[in-house]
Amino acid sequence: MLSNALLIHATGLAALALNVVALVCTCERRLRWRSGAAGVAWALNNFLLGANVAAALSVVGAGRVATSAVTLGGRRRARRLAFAGFCALTLLVGAATWGGWESALIVGASLMSTYAVFHLTGPALRWVMLAVSAMWMVNAWSVGSWEQIAANLLSAAASLWGACRLMRGPAREPGRA
């Protein structure tokens, strides 16, 4: 049977790998699906660490990016409604699980992510994700998770690299590799 510490590290490493693979991807749809899978792994990792606000917001985040993948390139009204719904859900979850000033940073980061995945693509999306990684670093530091610290550093680097790759290369259509 796996020990709790081993399970915490395993979920952290899996989420870290999914995050990095997602952010270096130039395909907008794949980035969102992989980020959703990473969000599920981060939710489990945060739950195991006892970081309830981060766990709850990671679940919301996983649903958010999966929904944005489904609506990518779709009707503008559906994307706006999904965006508004996830903003409201993020605020509701943040209020219900409030844990102090650190909660404000990850709620803010979640709201920025919500805007980014529903309204941005290409380099702009990745620049916002760079800022989001910096904001989530506070949670990583507060729970003492080296996997989350590494994930935020690597996600920031992957976001920067992905943005630079997209700025240098030809524009890609949403959903195309």
C-alpha atoms as a PDB file:
ATOM      1  CA  MET A   1       0.000   0.000   0.000  1.00  0.00           C
ATOM      2  CA  LEU A   2       1.253   3.495  -0.849  1.00  0.00           C
ATOM      3  CA  SER A   3       2.133   5.800   2.001  1.00  0.00           C
ATOM      4  CA  ASN A   4       0.426   9.183   2.157  1.00  0.00           C
ATOM      5  CA  ALA A   5       3.733  10.998   1.495  1.00  0.00           C
ATOM      6  CA  LEU A   6       4.434   8.854  -1.556  1.00  0.00           C
ATOM      7  CA  LEU A   7       0.907   9.486  -2.886  1.00  0.00           C
ATOM      8  CA  ILE A   8       1.331  13.233  -2.344  1.00  0.00           C
ATOM      9  CA  HIS A   9       4.608  13.225  -4.280  1.00  0.00           C
ATOM     10  CA  ALA A  10       3.231  10.973  -7.028  1.00  0.00           C
ATOM     11  CA  THR A  11       0.181  13.187  -7.646  1.00  0.00           C
ATOM     12  CA  GLY A  12       2.386  16.276  -7.578  1.00  0.00           C
ATOM     13  CA  LEU A  13       4.809  14.839 -10.113  1.00  0.00           C
ATOM     14  CA  ALA A  14       1.997  13.674 -12.402  1.00  0.00           C
ATOM     15  CA  ALA A  15       0.365  17.107 -12.293  1.00  0.00           C
ATOM     16  CA  LEU A  16       3.726  18.765 -12.890  1.00  0.00           C
ATOM     17  CA  ALA A  17       4.362  16.655 -15.994  1.00  0.00           C
ATOM     18  CA  LEU A  18       0.868  17.322 -17.366  1.00  0.00           C
ATOM     19  CA  ASN A  19       1.247  21.073 -16.764  1.00  0.00           C
ATOM     20  CA  VAL A  20       4.535  21.353 -18.612  1.00  0.00           C
ATOM     21  CA  VAL A  21       3.404  19.196 -21.546  1.00  0.00           C
ATOM     22  CA  ALA A  22       0.256  21.323 -21.849  1.00  0.00           C
ATOM     23  CA  LEU A  23       1.984  24.686 -21.781  1.00  0.00           C
ATOM     24  CA  VAL A  24       4.623  23.923 -24.403  1.00  0.00           C
ATOM     25  CA  CYS A  25       1.969  22.624 -26.792  1.00  0.00           C
ATOM     26  CA  THR A  26       1.141  24.964 -29.670  1.00  0.00           C
ATOM     27  CA  CYS A  27      -2.320  23.442 -30.171  1.00  0.00           C
ATOM     28  CA  GLU A  28      -4.896  25.466 -28.236  1.00  0.00           C
ATOM     29  CA  ARG A  29      -7.354  22.589 -27.794  1.00  0.00           C
ATOM     30  CA  ARG A  30      -4.700  20.133 -26.571  1.00  0.00           C
ATOM     31  CA  LEU A  31      -3.331  22.745 -24.178  1.00  0.00           C
ATOM     32  CA  ARG A  32      -6.767  23.043 -22.589  1.00  0.00           C
ATOM     33  CA  TRP A  33      -7.443  19.280 -22.342  1.00  0.00           C
ATOM     34  CA  ARG A  34      -4.025  18.603 -20.841  1.00  0.00           C
ATOM     35  CA  SER A  35      -4.402  21.503 -18.426  1.00  0.00           C
ATOM     36  CA  GLY A  36      -7.749  20.051 -17.336  1.00  0.00           C
ATOM     37  CA  ALA A  37      -6.110  16.709 -16.582  1.00  0.00           C
ATOM     38  CA  ALA A  38      -3.383  18.528 -14.641  1.00  0.00           C
ATOM     39  CA  GLY A  39      -6.088  20.372 -12.681  1.00  0.00           C
ATOM     40  CA  VAL A  40      -7.581  17.065 -11.536  1.00  0.00           C
ATOM     41  CA  ALA A  41      -4.153  15.864 -10.399  1.00  0.00           C
ATOM     42  CA  TRP A  42      -3.505  19.198  -8.611  1.00  0.00           C
ATOM     43  CA  ALA A  43      -6.871  18.948  -6.879  1.00  0.00           C
ATOM     44  CA  LEU A  44      -5.956  15.534  -5.485  1.00  0.00           C
ATOM     45  CA  ASN A  45      -2.477  16.734  -4.545  1.00  0.00           C
ATOM     46  CA  ASN A  46      -3.852  19.795  -2.714  1.00  0.00           C
ATOM     47  CA  PHE A  47      -6.506  17.705  -0.977  1.00  0.00           C
ATOM     48  CA  LEU A  48      -3.843  15.304   0.279  1.00  0.00           C
ATOM     49  CA  LEU A  49      -1.794  18.291   1.500  1.00  0.00           C
ATOM     50  CA  GLY A  50      -4.802  19.705   3.367  1.00  0.00           C
ATOM     51  CA  ALA A  51      -4.949  22.809   1.143  1.00  0.00           C
ATOM     52  CA  ASN A  52      -8.731  22.885   0.792  1.00  0.00           C
ATOM     53  CA  VAL A  53      -9.072  26.240  -1.011  1.00  0.00           C
ATOM     54  CA  ALA A  54      -6.480  25.200  -3.589  1.00  0.00           C
ATOM     55  CA  ALA A  55      -8.063  21.742  -3.974  1.00  0.00           C
ATOM     56  CA  ALA A  56     -11.528  23.181  -4.557  1.00  0.00           C
ATOM     57  CA  LEU A  57     -10.259  25.801  -7.002  1.00  0.00           C
ATOM     58  CA  SER A  58      -8.246  23.137  -8.839  1.00  0.00           C
ATOM     59  CA  VAL A  59     -11.447  21.147  -9.391  1.00  0.00           C
ATOM     60  CA  VAL A  60     -13.150  24.287 -10.708  1.00  0.00           C
ATOM     61  CA  GLY A  61     -10.091  24.937 -12.880  1.00  0.00           C
ATOM     62  CA  ALA A  62     -10.161  21.455 -14.373  1.00  0.00           C
ATOM     63  CA  GLY A  63     -13.812  21.928 -15.332  1.00  0.00           C
ATOM     64  CA  ARG A  64     -13.096  25.420 -16.627  1.00  0.00           C
ATOM     65  CA  VAL A  65     -10.353  24.426 -19.046  1.00  0.00           C
ATOM     66  CA  ALA A  66     -12.252  21.354 -20.240  1.00  0.00           C
ATOM     67  CA  THR A  67     -15.300  23.540 -20.920  1.00  0.00           C
ATOM     68  CA  SER A  68     -13.142  26.091 -22.722  1.00  0.00           C
ATOM     69  CA  ALA A  69     -11.734  23.303 -24.930  1.00  0.00           C
ATOM     70  CA  VAL A  70     -15.248  22.230 -25.882  1.00  0.00           C
ATOM     71  CA  THR A  71     -16.351  25.791 -26.654  1.00  0.00           C
ATOM     72  CA  LEU A  72     -13.096  26.809 -28.403  1.00  0.00           C
ATOM     73  CA  GLY A  73     -13.950  28.223 -31.796  1.00  0.00           C
ATOM     74  CA  GLY A  74     -17.646  27.897 -31.007  1.00  0.00           C
ATOM     75  CA  ARG A  75     -20.399  30.403 -30.551  1.00  0.00           C
ATOM     76  CA  ARG A  76     -19.383  33.580 -28.751  1.00  0.00           C
ATOM     77  CA  ARG A  77     -22.520  33.582 -26.590  1.00  0.00           C
ATOM     78  CA  ALA A  78     -21.815  30.084 -25.241  1.00  0.00           C
ATOM     79  CA  ARG A  79     -18.258  31.078 -24.353  1.00  0.00           C
ATOM     80  CA  ARG A  80     -19.468  34.235 -22.588  1.00  0.00           C
ATOM     81  CA  LEU A  81     -22.047  32.299 -20.586  1.00  0.00           C
ATOM     82  CA  ALA A  82     -19.490  29.655 -19.613  1.00  0.00           C
ATOM     83  CA  PHE A  83     -17.026  32.405 -18.654  1.00  0.00           C
ATOM     84  CA  ALA A  84     -19.615  34.123 -16.435  1.00  0.00           C
ATOM     85  CA  GLY A  85     -20.624  30.822 -14.853  1.00  0.00           C
ATOM     86  CA  PHE A  86     -17.051  29.879 -13.997  1.00  0.00           C
ATOM     87  CA  CYS A  87     -16.338  33.350 -12.590  1.00  0.00           C
ATOM     88  CA  ALA A  88     -19.358  33.017 -10.312  1.00  0.00           C
ATOM     89  CA  LEU A  89     -18.380  29.459  -9.336  1.00  0.00           C
ATOM     90  CA  THR A  90     -14.794  30.541  -8.592  1.00  0.00           C
ATOM     91  CA  LEU A  91     -16.017  33.345  -6.318  1.00  0.00           C
ATOM     92  CA  LEU A  92     -18.498  31.048  -4.603  1.00  0.00           C
ATOM     93  CA  VAL A  93     -15.901  28.322  -3.983  1.00  0.00           C
ATOM     94  CA  GLY A  94     -13.387  30.916  -2.847  1.00  0.00           C
ATOM     95  CA  ALA A  95     -15.855  32.363  -0.334  1.00  0.00           C
ATOM     96  CA  ALA A  96     -16.946  28.937   0.915  1.00  0.00           C
ATOM     97  CA  THR A  97     -13.381  27.729   1.476  1.00  0.00           C
ATOM     98  CA  TRP A  98     -11.793  31.048   2.501  1.00  0.00           C
ATOM     99  CA  GLY A  99      -8.545  30.616   4.386  1.00  0.00           C
ATOM    100  CA  GLY A 100      -7.132  34.135   4.682  1.00  0.00           C
ATOM    101  CA  TRP A 101      -5.177  36.527   2.489  1.00  0.00           C
ATOM    102  CA  GLU A 102      -3.472  33.677   0.604  1.00  0.00           C
ATOM    103  CA  SER A 103      -6.915  32.621  -0.604  1.00  0.00           C
ATOM    104  CA  ALA A 104      -7.329  36.013  -2.270  1.00  0.00           C
ATOM    105  CA  LEU A 105      -4.261  35.376  -4.423  1.00  0.00           C
ATOM    106  CA  ILE A 106      -5.400  31.995  -5.686  1.00  0.00           C
ATOM    107  CA  VAL A 107      -8.969  33.199  -6.217  1.00  0.00           C
ATOM    108  CA  GLY A 108      -7.497  36.093  -8.227  1.00  0.00           C
ATOM    109  CA  ALA A 109      -5.272  33.675 -10.149  1.00  0.00           C
ATOM    110  CA  SER A 110      -8.297  31.470 -10.858  1.00  0.00           C
ATOM    111  CA  LEU A 111     -10.284  34.440 -12.154  1.00  0.00           C
ATOM    112  CA  MET A 112      -7.368  35.432 -14.410  1.00  0.00           C
ATOM    113  CA  SER A 113      -7.183  31.852 -15.691  1.00  0.00           C
ATOM    114  CA  THR A 114     -10.901  31.887 -16.345  1.00  0.00           C
ATOM    115  CA  TYR A 115     -10.610  35.009 -18.471  1.00  0.00           C
ATOM    116  CA  ALA A 116      -7.557  33.645 -20.275  1.00  0.00           C
ATOM    117  CA  VAL A 117      -8.946  30.250 -21.264  1.00  0.00           C
ATOM    118  CA  PHE A 118     -12.236  31.646 -22.528  1.00  0.00           C
ATOM    119  CA  HIS A 119     -11.011  34.815 -24.242  1.00  0.00           C
ATOM    120  CA  LEU A 120      -7.327  34.422 -25.134  1.00  0.00           C
ATOM    121  CA  THR A 121      -5.242  32.192 -27.392  1.00  0.00           C
ATOM    122  CA  GLY A 122      -1.630  32.048 -28.497  1.00  0.00           C
ATOM    123  CA  PRO A 123       1.036  34.096 -26.775  1.00  0.00           C
ATOM    124  CA  ALA A 124      -1.457  36.225 -24.803  1.00  0.00           C
ATOM    125  CA  LEU A 125      -2.892  33.117 -23.130  1.00  0.00           C
ATOM    126  CA  ARG A 126       0.562  31.912 -22.180  1.00  0.00           C
ATOM    127  CA  TRP A 127       1.633  35.335 -20.804  1.00  0.00           C
ATOM    128  CA  VAL A 128      -1.378  35.340 -18.492  1.00  0.00           C
ATOM    129  CA  MET A 129      -0.580  31.781 -17.423  1.00  0.00           C
ATOM    130  CA  LEU A 130       2.915  32.996 -16.532  1.00  0.00           C
ATOM    131  CA  ALA A 131       1.385  35.532 -14.119  1.00  0.00           C
ATOM    132  CA  VAL A 132      -1.010  32.892 -12.774  1.00  0.00           C
ATOM    133  CA  SER A 133       1.930  30.589 -11.996  1.00  0.00           C
ATOM    134  CA  ALA A 134       3.530  33.357  -9.949  1.00  0.00           C
ATOM    135  CA  MET A 135       0.324  33.857  -7.960  1.00  0.00           C
ATOM    136  CA  TRP A 136      -0.101  30.117  -7.281  1.00  0.00           C
ATOM    137  CA  MET A 137       3.491  30.017  -6.009  1.00  0.00           C
ATOM    138  CA  VAL A 138       2.213  31.493  -2.728  1.00  0.00           C
ATOM    139  CA  ASN A 139       0.014  28.418  -2.162  1.00  0.00           C
ATOM    140  CA  ALA A 140       2.874  26.092  -3.095  1.00  0.00           C
ATOM    141  CA  TRP A 141       5.178  27.806  -0.625  1.00  0.00           C
ATOM    142  CA  SER A 142       2.585  27.916   2.169  1.00  0.00           C
ATOM    143  CA  VAL A 143       1.889  24.153   2.003  1.00  0.00           C
ATOM    144  CA  GLY A 144       5.572  23.322   1.580  1.00  0.00           C
ATOM    145  CA  SER A 145       5.057  21.329  -1.607  1.00  0.00           C
ATOM    146  CA  TRP A 146       8.275  21.108  -3.597  1.00  0.00           C
ATOM    147  CA  GLU A 147       6.281  19.583  -6.485  1.00  0.00           C
ATOM    148  CA  GLN A 148       4.017  22.630  -6.629  1.00  0.00           C
ATOM    149  CA  ILE A 149       6.974  24.997  -6.317  1.00  0.00           C
ATOM    150  CA  ALA A 150       8.712  23.148  -9.162  1.00  0.00           C
ATOM    151  CA  ALA A 151       5.464  23.059 -11.141  1.00  0.00           C
ATOM    152  CA  ASN A 152       4.967  26.788 -10.856  1.00  0.00           C
ATOM    153  CA  LEU A 153       8.568  27.471 -11.871  1.00  0.00           C
ATOM    154  CA  LEU A 154       8.426  25.010 -14.771  1.00  0.00           C
ATOM    155  CA  SER A 155       4.938  26.143 -15.795  1.00  0.00           C
ATOM    156  CA  ALA A 156       6.163  29.728 -15.858  1.00  0.00           C
ATOM    157  CA  ALA A 157       9.143  28.690 -17.992  1.00  0.00           C
ATOM    158  CA  ALA A 158       6.915  26.567 -20.269  1.00  0.00           C
ATOM    159  CA  SER A 159       4.457  29.454 -20.642  1.00  0.00           C
ATOM    160  CA  LEU A 160       7.308  31.767 -21.578  1.00  0.00           C
ATOM    161  CA  TRP A 161       8.760  29.249 -24.025  1.00  0.00           C
ATOM    162  CA  GLY A 162       5.344  28.509 -25.555  1.00  0.00           C
ATOM    163  CA  ALA A 163       4.621  32.234 -25.968  1.00  0.00           C
ATOM    164  CA  CYS A 164       7.988  32.809 -27.622  1.00  0.00           C
ATOM    165  CA  ARG A 165       7.509  29.801 -29.945  1.00  0.00           C
ATOM    166  CA  LEU A 166       4.123  31.088 -31.031  1.00  0.00           C
ATOM    167  CA  MET A 167       5.411  34.628 -31.542  1.00  0.00           C
ATOM    168  CA  ARG A 168       8.197  33.337 -33.828  1.00  0.00           C
ATOM    169  CA  GLY A 169       6.190  30.758 -35.787  1.00  0.00           C
ATOM    170  CA  PRO A 170       3.231  31.044 -38.122  1.00  0.00           C
ATOM    171  CA  ALA A 171      -0.163  31.580 -36.556  1.00  0.00           C
ATOM    172  CA  ARG A 172      -2.008  28.355 -35.797  1.00  0.00           C
ATOM    173  CA  GLU A 173      -5.716  27.804 -35.879  1.00  0.00           C
ATOM    174  CA  PRO A 174      -7.418  26.753 -32.640  1.00  0.00           C
ATOM    175  CA  GLY A 175      -7.344  22.991 -32.364  1.00  0.00           C
ATOM    176  CA  ARG A 176      -4.538  22.418 -34.859  1.00  0.00           C
ATOM    177  CA  ALA A 177      -1.128  21.124 -33.858  1.00  0.00           C
END
